[in-house]
Amino acid sequence: MEAQGNKKDQMKLKFRYLWLISALLLASCADQPYYQKSYSFQGNQWNQDVKPTFKIEVSDTTKAYDFMLTLRTTTDYGFSNVWIYLNTKTPNGERGREPFELKIANEDGSWAGKKTGTVVENQLIFSRRKLPQKGTYYFTLEQGVTQKNLPEVLDIGLQVDEAEEK
């Protein structure tokens, strides 16, 4: 009787391992971002002189792309927002600069983004942007706050996905 119990336990264990391996394979087959990078700030301070740059290669100009900018701060971040300049340099050298306000906290003092422990994650999403030229694009971010150092900023990241067809 004990041998049968062990065989059943072994079969259950094998089934669990098979299920785990299948789940891992399915997860690895999920859509990967077209581009994804982040930049961590030394000492958790975003100095005005620090301008993270993201380099993206574009080969298909017929597609639209969704851009997601993610800023992570600590819960000790002392402001309700942050202004960020997005500087773009196209493959032929054209330059553009766009200002964006990213809300960190609501008027009532609650966090606008997703809070996990002492980290608050906020996002700006730019949907369906076209990149009209093939080649290398540079996206440089700079903080636009009047303070030279913006404390309690952990990192900033840029993710680009191919937009779904409508």
Foldseek 3Di string as FASTA:
>chain_A
DVVVVVVVVVVVVVVVVVVVVVVVVVVVPPDDFLDKDKDWDVQQKAFQVDKDKDKHFDDDQVFFKKKKKKWKFFLPQDDQKWKKWKWKAAPVGDIDIDIDIWGQADPVGHGPADDDPGMGMTMDMDPGHGRRDGGMMMIIMGTDDPDRMRHRTTMMMMTMHTHDDD
